[in-house]
PDB file of N, CA and C in Angstrom:
ATOM      1  N   MET A   1     -26.369  -9.184  70.895  1.00  0.00           N
ATOM      2  CA  MET A   1     -26.431  -8.292  69.778  1.00  0.00           C
ATOM      3  C   MET A   1     -25.334  -8.663  68.792  1.00  0.00           C
ATOM      4  N   LEU A   2     -25.614  -8.462  67.507  1.00  0.00           N
ATOM      5  CA  LEU A   2     -24.667  -8.827  66.466  1.00  0.00           C
ATOM      6  C   LEU A   2     -23.686  -7.702  66.233  1.00  0.00           C
ATOM      7  N   LYS A   3     -22.443  -8.110  65.971  1.00  0.00           N
ATOM      8  CA  LYS A   3     -21.420  -7.113  65.643  1.00  0.00           C
ATOM      9  C   LYS A   3     -21.455  -6.855  64.142  1.00  0.00           C
ATOM     10  N   PRO A   4     -21.161  -5.638  63.707  1.00  0.00           N
ATOM     11  CA  PRO A   4     -21.061  -5.387  62.274  1.00  0.00           C
ATOM     12  C   PRO A   4     -19.893  -6.169  61.689  1.00  0.00           C
ATOM     13  N   VAL A   5     -20.072  -6.625  60.480  1.00  0.00           N
ATOM     14  CA  VAL A   5     -19.044  -7.408  59.814  1.00  0.00           C
ATOM     15  C   VAL A   5     -17.932  -6.472  59.369  1.00  0.00           C
ATOM     16  N   ASP A   6     -16.698  -6.885  59.656  1.00  0.00           N
ATOM     17  CA  ASP A   6     -15.539  -6.089  59.233  1.00  0.00           C
ATOM     18  C   ASP A   6     -15.285  -6.364  57.752  1.00  0.00           C
ATOM     19  N   PRO A   7     -15.417  -5.344  56.886  1.00  0.00           N
ATOM     20  CA  PRO A   7     -15.233  -5.594  55.457  1.00  0.00           C
ATOM     21  C   PRO A   7     -13.806  -5.936  55.086  1.00  0.00           C
ATOM     22  N   GLY A   8     -12.861  -5.657  55.889  1.00  0.00           N
ATOM     23  CA  GLY A   8     -11.470  -6.014  55.614  1.00  0.00           C
ATOM     24  C   GLY A   8     -10.891  -5.246  54.433  1.00  0.00           C
ATOM     25  N   PRO A   9      -9.885  -5.851  53.780  1.00  0.00           N
ATOM     26  CA  PRO A   9      -9.223  -5.137  52.692  1.00  0.00           C
ATOM     27  C   PRO A   9     -10.094  -5.015  51.435  1.00  0.00           C
ATOM     28  N   GLN A  10     -11.148  -5.808  51.336  1.00  0.00           N
ATOM     29  CA  GLN A  10     -12.014  -5.775  50.159  1.00  0.00           C
ATOM     30  C   GLN A  10     -13.157  -4.774  50.341  1.00  0.00           C
ATOM     31  N   ALA A  11     -12.937  -3.732  51.102  1.00  0.00           N
ATOM     32  CA  ALA A  11     -13.984  -2.739  51.349  1.00  0.00           C
ATOM     33  C   ALA A  11     -14.455  -2.131  50.043  1.00  0.00           C
ATOM     34  N   GLU A  12     -15.707  -1.768  50.038  1.00  0.00           N
ATOM     35  CA  GLU A  12     -16.241  -1.145  48.841  1.00  0.00           C
ATOM     36  C   GLU A  12     -15.594   0.214  48.649  1.00  0.00           C
ATOM     37  N   ARG A  13     -15.194   0.429  47.435  1.00  0.00           N
ATOM     38  CA  ARG A  13     -14.573   1.709  47.116  1.00  0.00           C
ATOM     39  C   ARG A  13     -15.611   2.603  46.460  1.00  0.00           C
ATOM     40  N   PRO A  14     -15.386   3.887  46.500  1.00  0.00           N
ATOM     41  CA  PRO A  14     -16.347   4.790  45.868  1.00  0.00           C
ATOM     42  C   PRO A  14     -16.407   4.557  44.350  1.00  0.00           C
ATOM     43  N   ILE A  15     -17.559   4.804  43.763  1.00  0.00           N
ATOM     44  CA  ILE A  15     -17.778   4.596  42.327  1.00  0.00           C
ATOM     45  C   ILE A  15     -16.821   5.451  41.513  1.00  0.00           C
ATOM     46  N   GLY A  16     -16.600   6.661  41.937  1.00  0.00           N
ATOM     47  CA  GLY A  16     -15.697   7.558  41.202  1.00  0.00           C
ATOM     48  C   GLY A  16     -14.297   6.972  41.095  1.00  0.00           C
ATOM     49  N   GLU A  17     -13.824   6.376  42.178  1.00  0.00           N
ATOM     50  CA  GLU A  17     -12.496   5.761  42.162  1.00  0.00           C
ATOM     51  C   GLU A  17     -12.456   4.561  41.220  1.00  0.00           C
ATOM     52  N   LEU A  18     -13.512   3.749  41.235  1.00  0.00           N
ATOM     53  CA  LEU A  18     -13.576   2.595  40.344  1.00  0.00           C
ATOM     54  C   LEU A  18     -13.629   3.025  38.878  1.00  0.00           C
ATOM     55  N   VAL A  19     -14.417   4.047  38.586  1.00  0.00           N
ATOM     56  CA  VAL A  19     -14.505   4.549  37.213  1.00  0.00           C
ATOM     57  C   VAL A  19     -13.161   5.099  36.762  1.00  0.00           C
ATOM     58  N   HIS A  20     -12.504   5.844  37.646  1.00  0.00           N
ATOM     59  CA  HIS A  20     -11.183   6.392  37.311  1.00  0.00           C
ATOM     60  C   HIS A  20     -10.193   5.268  37.019  1.00  0.00           C
ATOM     61  N   GLU A  21     -10.192   4.222  37.854  1.00  0.00           N
ATOM     62  CA  GLU A  21      -9.288   3.088  37.640  1.00  0.00           C
ATOM     63  C   GLU A  21      -9.610   2.379  36.319  1.00  0.00           C
ATOM     64  N   LEU A  22     -10.900   2.231  36.029  1.00  0.00           N
ATOM     65  CA  LEU A  22     -11.316   1.600  34.772  1.00  0.00           C
ATOM     66  C   LEU A  22     -10.844   2.420  33.572  1.00  0.00           C
ATOM     67  N   ILE A  23     -10.970   3.717  33.651  1.00  0.00           N
ATOM     68  CA  ILE A  23     -10.527   4.582  32.548  1.00  0.00           C
ATOM     69  C   ILE A  23      -9.019   4.486  32.365  1.00  0.00           C
ATOM     70  N   GLU A  24      -8.280   4.500  33.447  1.00  0.00           N
ATOM     71  CA  GLU A  24      -6.813   4.404  33.355  1.00  0.00           C
ATOM     72  C   GLU A  24      -6.387   3.056  32.765  1.00  0.00           C
ATOM     73  N   GLU A  25      -7.046   1.979  33.181  1.00  0.00           N
ATOM     74  CA  GLU A  25      -6.715   0.671  32.628  1.00  0.00           C
ATOM     75  C   GLU A  25      -7.097   0.591  31.146  1.00  0.00           C
ATOM     76  N   GLY A  26      -8.188   1.224  30.768  1.00  0.00           N
ATOM     77  CA  GLY A  26      -8.589   1.268  29.360  1.00  0.00           C
ATOM     78  C   GLY A  26      -7.579   2.037  28.520  1.00  0.00           C
ATOM     79  N   LYS A  27      -7.090   3.150  29.057  1.00  0.00           N
ATOM     80  CA  LYS A  27      -6.065   3.929  28.348  1.00  0.00           C
ATOM     81  C   LYS A  27      -4.793   3.113  28.178  1.00  0.00           C
ATOM     82  N   ALA A  28      -4.390   2.414  29.237  1.00  0.00           N
ATOM     83  CA  ALA A  28      -3.178   1.587  29.159  1.00  0.00           C
ATOM     84  C   ALA A  28      -3.356   0.469  28.133  1.00  0.00           C
ATOM     85  N   TYR A  29      -4.533  -0.134  28.094  1.00  0.00           N
ATOM     86  CA  TYR A  29      -4.811  -1.196  27.119  1.00  0.00           C
ATOM     87  C   TYR A  29      -4.782  -0.642  25.699  1.00  0.00           C
ATOM     88  N   ALA A  30      -5.391   0.533  25.494  1.00  0.00           N
ATOM     89  CA  ALA A  30      -5.400   1.147  24.161  1.00  0.00           C
ATOM     90  C   ALA A  30      -3.977   1.487  23.718  1.00  0.00           C
ATOM     91  N   ARG A  31      -3.166   2.012  24.640  1.00  0.00           N
ATOM     92  CA  ARG A  31      -1.766   2.312  24.288  1.00  0.00           C
ATOM     93  C   ARG A  31      -1.018   1.040  23.913  1.00  0.00           C
ATOM     94  N   ALA A  32      -1.240  -0.031  24.667  1.00  0.00           N
ATOM     95  CA  ALA A  32      -0.559  -1.297  24.374  1.00  0.00           C
ATOM     96  C   ALA A  32      -0.999  -1.839  23.008  1.00  0.00           C
ATOM     97  N   GLU A  33      -2.282  -1.756  22.700  1.00  0.00           N
ATOM     98  CA  GLU A  33      -2.769  -2.208  21.395  1.00  0.00           C
ATOM     99  C   GLU A  33      -2.183  -1.369  20.268  1.00  0.00           C
ATOM    100  N   PHE A  34      -2.128  -0.053  20.483  1.00  0.00           N
ATOM    101  CA  PHE A  34      -1.562   0.831  19.471  1.00  0.00           C
ATOM    102  C   PHE A  34      -0.077   0.533  19.264  1.00  0.00           C
ATOM    103  N   ASP A  35       0.649   0.346  20.353  1.00  0.00           N
ATOM    104  CA  ASP A  35       2.076   0.023  20.232  1.00  0.00           C
ATOM    105  C   ASP A  35       2.287  -1.309  19.517  1.00  0.00           C
ATOM    106  N   LEU A  36       1.421  -2.282  19.779  1.00  0.00           N
ATOM    107  CA  LEU A  36       1.520  -3.566  19.087  1.00  0.00           C
ATOM    108  C   LEU A  36       1.265  -3.396  17.591  1.00  0.00           C
ATOM    109  N   ALA A  37       0.221  -2.666  17.234  1.00  0.00           N
ATOM    110  CA  ALA A  37      -0.077  -2.436  15.815  1.00  0.00           C
ATOM    111  C   ALA A  37       1.060  -1.669  15.142  1.00  0.00           C
ATOM    112  N   LYS A  38       1.627  -0.706  15.846  1.00  0.00           N
ATOM    113  CA  LYS A  38       2.751   0.060  15.305  1.00  0.00           C
ATOM    114  C   LYS A  38       3.967  -0.834  15.085  1.00  0.00           C
ATOM    115  N   ALA A  39       4.243  -1.712  16.024  1.00  0.00           N
ATOM    116  CA  ALA A  39       5.377  -2.625  15.887  1.00  0.00           C
ATOM    117  C   ALA A  39       5.165  -3.598  14.723  1.00  0.00           C
ATOM    118  N   ILE A  40       3.954  -4.100  14.572  1.00  0.00           N
ATOM    119  CA  ILE A  40       3.664  -5.013  13.463  1.00  0.00           C
ATOM    120  C   ILE A  40       3.813  -4.289  12.132  1.00  0.00           C
ATOM    121  N   GLY A  41       3.275  -3.064  12.065  1.00  0.00           N
ATOM    122  CA  GLY A  41       3.390  -2.277  10.832  1.00  0.00           C
ATOM    123  C   GLY A  41       4.831  -1.959  10.480  1.00  0.00           C
ATOM    124  N   THR A  42       5.618  -1.604  11.471  1.00  0.00           N
ATOM    125  CA  THR A  42       7.029  -1.301  11.233  1.00  0.00           C
ATOM    126  C   THR A  42       7.773  -2.541  10.742  1.00  0.00           C
ATOM    127  N   ALA A  43       7.493  -3.686  11.339  1.00  0.00           N
ATOM    128  CA  ALA A  43       8.160  -4.921  10.919  1.00  0.00           C
ATOM    129  C   ALA A  43       7.787  -5.282   9.483  1.00  0.00           C
ATOM    130  N   LYS A  44       6.506  -5.126   9.142  1.00  0.00           N
ATOM    131  CA  LYS A  44       6.090  -5.430   7.774  1.00  0.00           C
ATOM    132  C   LYS A  44       6.684  -4.439   6.782  1.00  0.00           C
ATOM    133  N   ALA A  45       6.750  -3.167   7.167  1.00  0.00           N
ATOM    134  CA  ALA A  45       7.335  -2.158   6.267  1.00  0.00           C
ATOM    135  C   ALA A  45       8.811  -2.438   6.021  1.00  0.00           C
ATOM    136  N   ARG A  46       9.526  -2.841   7.061  1.00  0.00           N
ATOM    137  CA  ARG A  46      10.945  -3.172   6.884  1.00  0.00           C
ATOM    138  C   ARG A  46      11.120  -4.403   5.998  1.00  0.00           C
ATOM    139  N   ALA A  47      10.212  -5.361   6.135  1.00  0.00           N
ATOM    140  CA  ALA A  47      10.311  -6.579   5.326  1.00  0.00           C
ATOM    141  C   ALA A  47      10.012  -6.303   3.852  1.00  0.00           C
ATOM    142  N   VAL A  48       9.214  -5.286   3.572  1.00  0.00           N
ATOM    143  CA  VAL A  48       8.802  -4.993   2.206  1.00  0.00           C
ATOM    144  C   VAL A  48       9.713  -3.955   1.542  1.00  0.00           C
ATOM    145  N   ALA A  49      10.508  -3.250   2.298  1.00  0.00           N
ATOM    146  CA  ALA A  49      11.288  -2.125   1.760  1.00  0.00           C
ATOM    147  C   ALA A  49      12.254  -2.556   0.649  1.00  0.00           C
ATOM    148  N   ILE A  50      13.062  -3.561   0.881  1.00  0.00           N
ATOM    149  CA  ILE A  50      14.054  -3.970  -0.125  1.00  0.00           C
ATOM    150  C   ILE A  50      13.379  -4.572  -1.364  1.00  0.00           C
ATOM    151  N   PRO A  51      12.399  -5.475  -1.214  1.00  0.00           N
ATOM    152  CA  PRO A  51      11.727  -5.958  -2.427  1.00  0.00           C
ATOM    153  C   PRO A  51      11.043  -4.831  -3.216  1.00  0.00           C
ATOM    154  N   ALA A  52      10.476  -3.854  -2.527  1.00  0.00           N
ATOM    155  CA  ALA A  52       9.836  -2.741  -3.227  1.00  0.00           C
ATOM    156  C   ALA A  52      10.869  -1.941  -4.013  1.00  0.00           C
ATOM    157  N   ALA A  53      12.032  -1.723  -3.437  1.00  0.00           N
ATOM    158  CA  ALA A  53      13.098  -1.011  -4.152  1.00  0.00           C
ATOM    159  C   ALA A  53      13.561  -1.816  -5.364  1.00  0.00           C
ATOM    160  N   LEU A  54      13.666  -3.123  -5.222  1.00  0.00           N
ATOM    161  CA  LEU A  54      14.065  -3.965  -6.347  1.00  0.00           C
ATOM    162  C   LEU A  54      13.020  -3.942  -7.458  1.00  0.00           C
ATOM    163  N   PHE A  55      11.736  -3.993  -7.080  1.00  0.00           N
ATOM    164  CA  PHE A  55      10.678  -3.895  -8.087  1.00  0.00           C
ATOM    165  C   PHE A  55      10.697  -2.534  -8.775  1.00  0.00           C
ATOM    166  N   GLY A  56      10.983  -1.482  -8.027  1.00  0.00           N
ATOM    167  CA  GLY A  56      11.099  -0.154  -8.628  1.00  0.00           C
ATOM    168  C   GLY A  56      12.231  -0.092  -9.639  1.00  0.00           C
ATOM    169  N   ALA A  57      13.380  -0.657  -9.284  1.00  0.00           N
ATOM    170  CA  ALA A  57      14.514  -0.684 -10.214  1.00  0.00           C
ATOM    171  C   ALA A  57      14.189  -1.535 -11.440  1.00  0.00           C
ATOM    172  N   ALA A  58      13.504  -2.647 -11.246  1.00  0.00           N
ATOM    173  CA  ALA A  58      13.106  -3.494 -12.375  1.00  0.00           C
ATOM    174  C   ALA A  58      12.140  -2.748 -13.296  1.00  0.00           C
ATOM    175  N   PHE A  59      11.222  -1.977 -12.715  1.00  0.00           N
ATOM    176  CA  PHE A  59      10.288  -1.192 -13.515  1.00  0.00           C
ATOM    177  C   PHE A  59      11.023  -0.144 -14.341  1.00  0.00           C
ATOM    178  N   ILE A  60      11.994   0.520 -13.744  1.00  0.00           N
ATOM    179  CA  ILE A  60      12.765   1.530 -14.484  1.00  0.00           C
ATOM    180  C   ILE A  60      13.528   0.885 -15.631  1.00  0.00           C
ATOM    181  N   CYS A  61      14.121  -0.291 -15.386  1.00  0.00           N
ATOM    182  CA  CYS A  61      14.836  -0.992 -16.461  1.00  0.00           C
ATOM    183  C   CYS A  61      13.876  -1.435 -17.568  1.00  0.00           C
ATOM    184  N   ALA A  62      12.697  -1.907 -17.210  1.00  0.00           N
ATOM    185  CA  ALA A  62      11.709  -2.300 -18.211  1.00  0.00           C
ATOM    186  C   ALA A  62      11.242  -1.087 -19.014  1.00  0.00           C
ATOM    187  N   LEU A  63      11.079   0.039 -18.352  1.00  0.00           N
ATOM    188  CA  LEU A  63      10.699   1.264 -19.047  1.00  0.00           C
ATOM    189  C   LEU A  63      11.786   1.695 -20.022  1.00  0.00           C
ATOM    190  N   ALA A  64      13.039   1.566 -19.617  1.00  0.00           N
ATOM    191  CA  ALA A  64      14.149   1.887 -20.522  1.00  0.00           C
ATOM    192  C   ALA A  64      14.165   0.942 -21.718  1.00  0.00           C
ATOM    193  N   ALA A  65      13.866  -0.333 -21.497  1.00  0.00           N
ATOM    194  CA  ALA A  65      13.840  -1.300 -22.602  1.00  0.00           C
ATOM    195  C   ALA A  65      12.726  -0.978 -23.592  1.00  0.00           C
ATOM    196  N   VAL A  66      11.566  -0.629 -23.093  1.00  0.00           N
ATOM    197  CA  VAL A  66      10.457  -0.274 -23.983  1.00  0.00           C
ATOM    198  C   VAL A  66      10.784   1.007 -24.747  1.00  0.00           C
ATOM    199  N   THR A  67      11.427   1.955 -24.092  1.00  0.00           N
ATOM    200  CA  THR A  67      11.827   3.189 -24.768  1.00  0.00           C
ATOM    201  C   THR A  67      12.842   2.894 -25.873  1.00  0.00           C
ATOM    202  N   ALA A  68      13.807   2.022 -25.578  1.00  0.00           N
ATOM    203  CA  ALA A  68      14.785   1.652 -26.597  1.00  0.00           C
ATOM    204  C   ALA A  68      14.106   0.956 -27.780  1.00  0.00           C
ATOM    205  N   LEU A  69      13.134   0.100 -27.489  1.00  0.00           N
ATOM    206  CA  LEU A  69      12.387  -0.553 -28.561  1.00  0.00           C
ATOM    207  C   LEU A  69      11.632   0.471 -29.403  1.00  0.00           C
ATOM    208  N   ALA A  70      10.987   1.414 -28.751  1.00  0.00           N
ATOM    209  CA  ALA A  70      10.239   2.438 -29.479  1.00  0.00           C
ATOM    210  C   ALA A  70      11.161   3.274 -30.345  1.00  0.00           C
ATOM    211  N   VAL A  71      12.305   3.661 -29.813  1.00  0.00           N
ATOM    212  CA  VAL A  71      13.270   4.454 -30.597  1.00  0.00           C
ATOM    213  C   VAL A  71      13.782   3.637 -31.774  1.00  0.00           C
ATOM    214  N   GLY A  72      14.055   2.367 -31.539  1.00  0.00           N
ATOM    215  CA  GLY A  72      14.518   1.501 -32.625  1.00  0.00           C
ATOM    216  C   GLY A  72      13.483   1.376 -33.730  1.00  0.00           C
ATOM    217  N   ILE A  73      12.225   1.218 -33.358  1.00  0.00           N
ATOM    218  CA  ILE A  73      11.165   1.123 -34.367  1.00  0.00           C
ATOM    219  C   ILE A  73      11.043   2.423 -35.138  1.00  0.00           C
ATOM    220  N   VAL A  74      11.081   3.546 -34.449  1.00  0.00           N
ATOM    221  CA  VAL A  74      10.969   4.846 -35.128  1.00  0.00           C
ATOM    222  C   VAL A  74      12.153   5.074 -36.062  1.00  0.00           C
ATOM    223  N   ILE A  75      13.358   4.715 -35.638  1.00  0.00           N
ATOM    224  CA  ILE A  75      14.534   4.896 -36.499  1.00  0.00           C
ATOM    225  C   ILE A  75      14.439   3.982 -37.727  1.00  0.00           C
ATOM    226  N   ALA A  76      13.971   2.745 -37.517  1.00  0.00           N
ATOM    227  CA  ALA A  76      13.819   1.833 -38.654  1.00  0.00           C
ATOM    228  C   ALA A  76      12.774   2.353 -39.630  1.00  0.00           C
ATOM    229  N   LEU A  77      11.680   2.869 -39.104  1.00  0.00           N
ATOM    230  CA  LEU A  77      10.642   3.423 -39.974  1.00  0.00           C
ATOM    231  C   LEU A  77      11.100   4.720 -40.639  1.00  0.00           C
ATOM    232  N   ALA A  78      11.928   5.487 -39.954  1.00  0.00           N
ATOM    233  CA  ALA A  78      12.405   6.758 -40.504  1.00  0.00           C
ATOM    234  C   ALA A  78      13.225   6.519 -41.768  1.00  0.00           C
ATOM    235  N   SER A  79      13.969   5.440 -41.805  1.00  0.00           N
ATOM    236  CA  SER A  79      14.765   5.160 -43.006  1.00  0.00           C
ATOM    237  C   SER A  79      13.874   4.747 -44.180  1.00  0.00           C
ATOM    238  N   LEU A  80      12.664   4.260 -43.885  1.00  0.00           N
ATOM    239  CA  LEU A  80      11.750   3.833 -44.940  1.00  0.00           C
ATOM    240  C   LEU A  80      10.797   4.947 -45.393  1.00  0.00           C
ATOM    241  N   VAL A  81      10.222   5.689 -44.433  1.00  0.00           N
ATOM    242  CA  VAL A  81       9.180   6.658 -44.786  1.00  0.00           C
ATOM    243  C   VAL A  81       9.506   8.091 -44.374  1.00  0.00           C
ATOM    244  N   GLY A  82      10.644   8.327 -43.792  1.00  0.00           N
ATOM    245  CA  GLY A  82      11.013   9.670 -43.340  1.00  0.00           C
ATOM    246  C   GLY A  82      10.858   9.794 -41.826  1.00  0.00           C
ATOM    247  N   PRO A  83      11.590  10.741 -41.230  1.00  0.00           N
ATOM    248  CA  PRO A  83      11.603  10.828 -39.770  1.00  0.00           C
ATOM    249  C   PRO A  83      10.254  11.222 -39.161  1.00  0.00           C
ATOM    250  N   LEU A  84       9.552  12.178 -39.749  1.00  0.00           N
ATOM    251  CA  LEU A  84       8.289  12.617 -39.163  1.00  0.00           C
ATOM    252  C   LEU A  84       7.233  11.527 -39.265  1.00  0.00           C
ATOM    253  N   LEU A  85       7.083  10.941 -40.410  1.00  0.00           N
ATOM    254  CA  LEU A  85       6.094   9.884 -40.582  1.00  0.00           C
ATOM    255  C   LEU A  85       6.474   8.643 -39.769  1.00  0.00           C
ATOM    256  N   GLY A  86       7.785   8.370 -39.646  1.00  0.00           N
ATOM    257  CA  GLY A  86       8.231   7.253 -38.811  1.00  0.00           C
ATOM    258  C   GLY A  86       7.854   7.474 -37.354  1.00  0.00           C
ATOM    259  N   GLY A  87       7.992   8.711 -36.869  1.00  0.00           N
ATOM    260  CA  GLY A  87       7.585   9.034 -35.494  1.00  0.00           C
ATOM    261  C   GLY A  87       6.091   8.895 -35.304  1.00  0.00           C
ATOM    262  N   ILE A  88       5.318   9.337 -36.317  1.00  0.00           N
ATOM    263  CA  ILE A  88       3.862   9.234 -36.219  1.00  0.00           C
ATOM    264  C   ILE A  88       3.418   7.775 -36.233  1.00  0.00           C
ATOM    265  N   VAL A  89       4.020   6.973 -37.102  1.00  0.00           N
ATOM    266  CA  VAL A  89       3.671   5.552 -37.150  1.00  0.00           C
ATOM    267  C   VAL A  89       4.058   4.865 -35.833  1.00  0.00           C
ATOM    268  N   GLY A  90       5.239   5.190 -35.300  1.00  0.00           N
ATOM    269  CA  GLY A  90       5.641   4.637 -34.003  1.00  0.00           C
ATOM    270  C   GLY A  90       4.671   5.035 -32.900  1.00  0.00           C
ATOM    271  N   LEU A  91       4.219   6.300 -32.940  1.00  0.00           N
ATOM    272  CA  LEU A  91       3.234   6.770 -31.967  1.00  0.00           C
ATOM    273  C   LEU A  91       1.944   5.970 -32.089  1.00  0.00           C
ATOM    274  N   ILE A  92       1.475   5.754 -33.284  1.00  0.00           N
ATOM    275  CA  ILE A  92       0.228   5.003 -33.493  1.00  0.00           C
ATOM    276  C   ILE A  92       0.376   3.563 -33.002  1.00  0.00           C
ATOM    277  N   ILE A  93       1.523   2.956 -33.290  1.00  0.00           N
ATOM    278  CA  ILE A  93       1.744   1.566 -32.854  1.00  0.00           C
ATOM    279  C   ILE A  93       1.692   1.465 -31.329  1.00  0.00           C
ATOM    280  N   PHE A  94       2.471   2.308 -30.634  1.00  0.00           N
ATOM    281  CA  PHE A  94       2.543   2.196 -29.174  1.00  0.00           C
ATOM    282  C   PHE A  94       1.294   2.732 -28.496  1.00  0.00           C
ATOM    283  N   ALA A  95       0.612   3.713 -29.091  1.00  0.00           N
ATOM    284  CA  ALA A  95      -0.667   4.162 -28.541  1.00  0.00           C
ATOM    285  C   ALA A  95      -1.708   3.064 -28.687  1.00  0.00           C
ATOM    286  N   GLY A  96      -1.668   2.320 -29.790  1.00  0.00           N
ATOM    287  CA  GLY A  96      -2.584   1.196 -29.967  1.00  0.00           C
ATOM    288  C   GLY A  96      -2.338   0.100 -28.944  1.00  0.00           C
ATOM    289  N   ILE A  97      -1.067  -0.192 -28.691  1.00  0.00           N
ATOM    290  CA  ILE A  97      -0.737  -1.201 -27.672  1.00  0.00           C
ATOM    291  C   ILE A  97      -1.228  -0.742 -26.304  1.00  0.00           C
ATOM    292  N   ALA A  98      -0.966   0.532 -25.955  1.00  0.00           N
ATOM    293  CA  ALA A  98      -1.399   1.064 -24.658  1.00  0.00           C
ATOM    294  C   ALA A  98      -2.921   1.054 -24.548  1.00  0.00           C
ATOM    295  N   GLY A  99      -3.607   1.447 -25.620  1.00  0.00           N
ATOM    296  CA  GLY A  99      -5.064   1.429 -25.595  1.00  0.00           C
ATOM    297  C   GLY A  99      -5.617   0.027 -25.444  1.00  0.00           C
ATOM    298  N   GLY A 100      -5.032  -0.932 -26.152  1.00  0.00           N
ATOM    299  CA  GLY A 100      -5.478  -2.325 -26.032  1.00  0.00           C
ATOM    300  C   GLY A 100      -5.271  -2.868 -24.635  1.00  0.00           C
ATOM    301  N   LEU A 101      -4.123  -2.586 -24.047  1.00  0.00           N
ATOM    302  CA  LEU A 101      -3.869  -3.050 -22.680  1.00  0.00           C
ATOM    303  C   LEU A 101      -4.822  -2.386 -21.693  1.00  0.00           C
ATOM    304  N   GLY A 102      -5.069  -1.080 -21.870  1.00  0.00           N
ATOM    305  CA  GLY A 102      -6.007  -0.376 -20.992  1.00  0.00           C
ATOM    306  C   GLY A 102      -7.423  -0.916 -21.124  1.00  0.00           C
ATOM    307  N   TRP A 103      -7.853  -1.186 -22.353  1.00  0.00           N
ATOM    308  CA  TRP A 103      -9.180  -1.732 -22.586  1.00  0.00           C
ATOM    309  C   TRP A 103      -9.321  -3.110 -21.941  1.00  0.00           C
ATOM    310  N   TYR A 104      -8.299  -3.949 -22.123  1.00  0.00           N
ATOM    311  CA  TYR A 104      -8.335  -5.289 -21.541  1.00  0.00           C
ATOM    312  C   TYR A 104      -8.351  -5.218 -20.014  1.00  0.00           C
ATOM    313  N   GLY A 105      -7.548  -4.308 -19.454  1.00  0.00           N
ATOM    314  CA  GLY A 105      -7.538  -4.149 -18.000  1.00  0.00           C
ATOM    315  C   GLY A 105      -8.877  -3.689 -17.457  1.00  0.00           C
ATOM    316  N   ALA A 106      -9.521  -2.733 -18.145  1.00  0.00           N
ATOM    317  CA  ALA A 106     -10.840  -2.266 -17.710  1.00  0.00           C
ATOM    318  C   ALA A 106     -11.875  -3.380 -17.790  1.00  0.00           C
ATOM    319  N   ARG A 107     -11.796  -4.181 -18.842  1.00  0.00           N
ATOM    320  CA  ARG A 107     -12.737  -5.290 -19.013  1.00  0.00           C
ATOM    321  C   ARG A 107     -12.561  -6.336 -17.911  1.00  0.00           C
ATOM    322  N   ARG A 108     -11.311  -6.645 -17.589  1.00  0.00           N
ATOM    323  CA  ARG A 108     -11.041  -7.602 -16.500  1.00  0.00           C
ATOM    324  C   ARG A 108     -11.516  -7.064 -15.161  1.00  0.00           C
ATOM    325  N   LEU A 109     -11.326  -5.755 -14.959  1.00  0.00           N
ATOM    326  CA  LEU A 109     -11.745  -5.153 -13.696  1.00  0.00           C
ATOM    327  C   LEU A 109     -13.256  -5.243 -13.541  1.00  0.00           C
ATOM    328  N   LYS A 110     -13.997  -4.948 -14.608  1.00  0.00           N
ATOM    329  CA  LYS A 110     -15.453  -5.057 -14.546  1.00  0.00           C
ATOM    330  C   LYS A 110     -15.894  -6.498 -14.316  1.00  0.00           C
ATOM    331  N   ARG A 111     -15.187  -7.440 -14.947  1.00  0.00           N
ATOM    332  CA  ARG A 111     -15.554  -8.844 -14.798  1.00  0.00           C
ATOM    333  C   ARG A 111     -15.275  -9.348 -13.393  1.00  0.00           C
ATOM    334  N   ASP A 112     -14.139  -8.944 -12.827  1.00  0.00           N
ATOM    335  CA  ASP A 112     -13.750  -9.447 -11.505  1.00  0.00           C
ATOM    336  C   ASP A 112     -14.517  -8.786 -10.371  1.00  0.00           C
ATOM    337  N   LEU A 113     -14.997  -7.576 -10.586  1.00  0.00           N
ATOM    338  CA  LEU A 113     -15.757  -6.915  -9.524  1.00  0.00           C
ATOM    339  C   LEU A 113     -17.204  -7.259  -9.688  1.00  0.00           C
TER     340      LEU A 113
END
């Protein structure tokens, strides 16, 4: 008569135990992936922080320069046509520049998309 085969350490485990182990390993993998993405994001944010601050400061300085130019134009026009009309002419000049830049930007956006 044949003896039953001894399954040894590789015995079949219940399905519930296998499913539970699979779920736990999936959770551990998801946590590891999330931690990796978080670490990559943090490293990129740190690398971009100082250049972003420098660009912000450059933007503020450029805004101050444009404001000084606008004030200079209005003051120059005020001596020629009066303060109120000089302000209105300065407004028309810079509104025209802003409108032209906005129109060109919209046109480029439509063309590129």
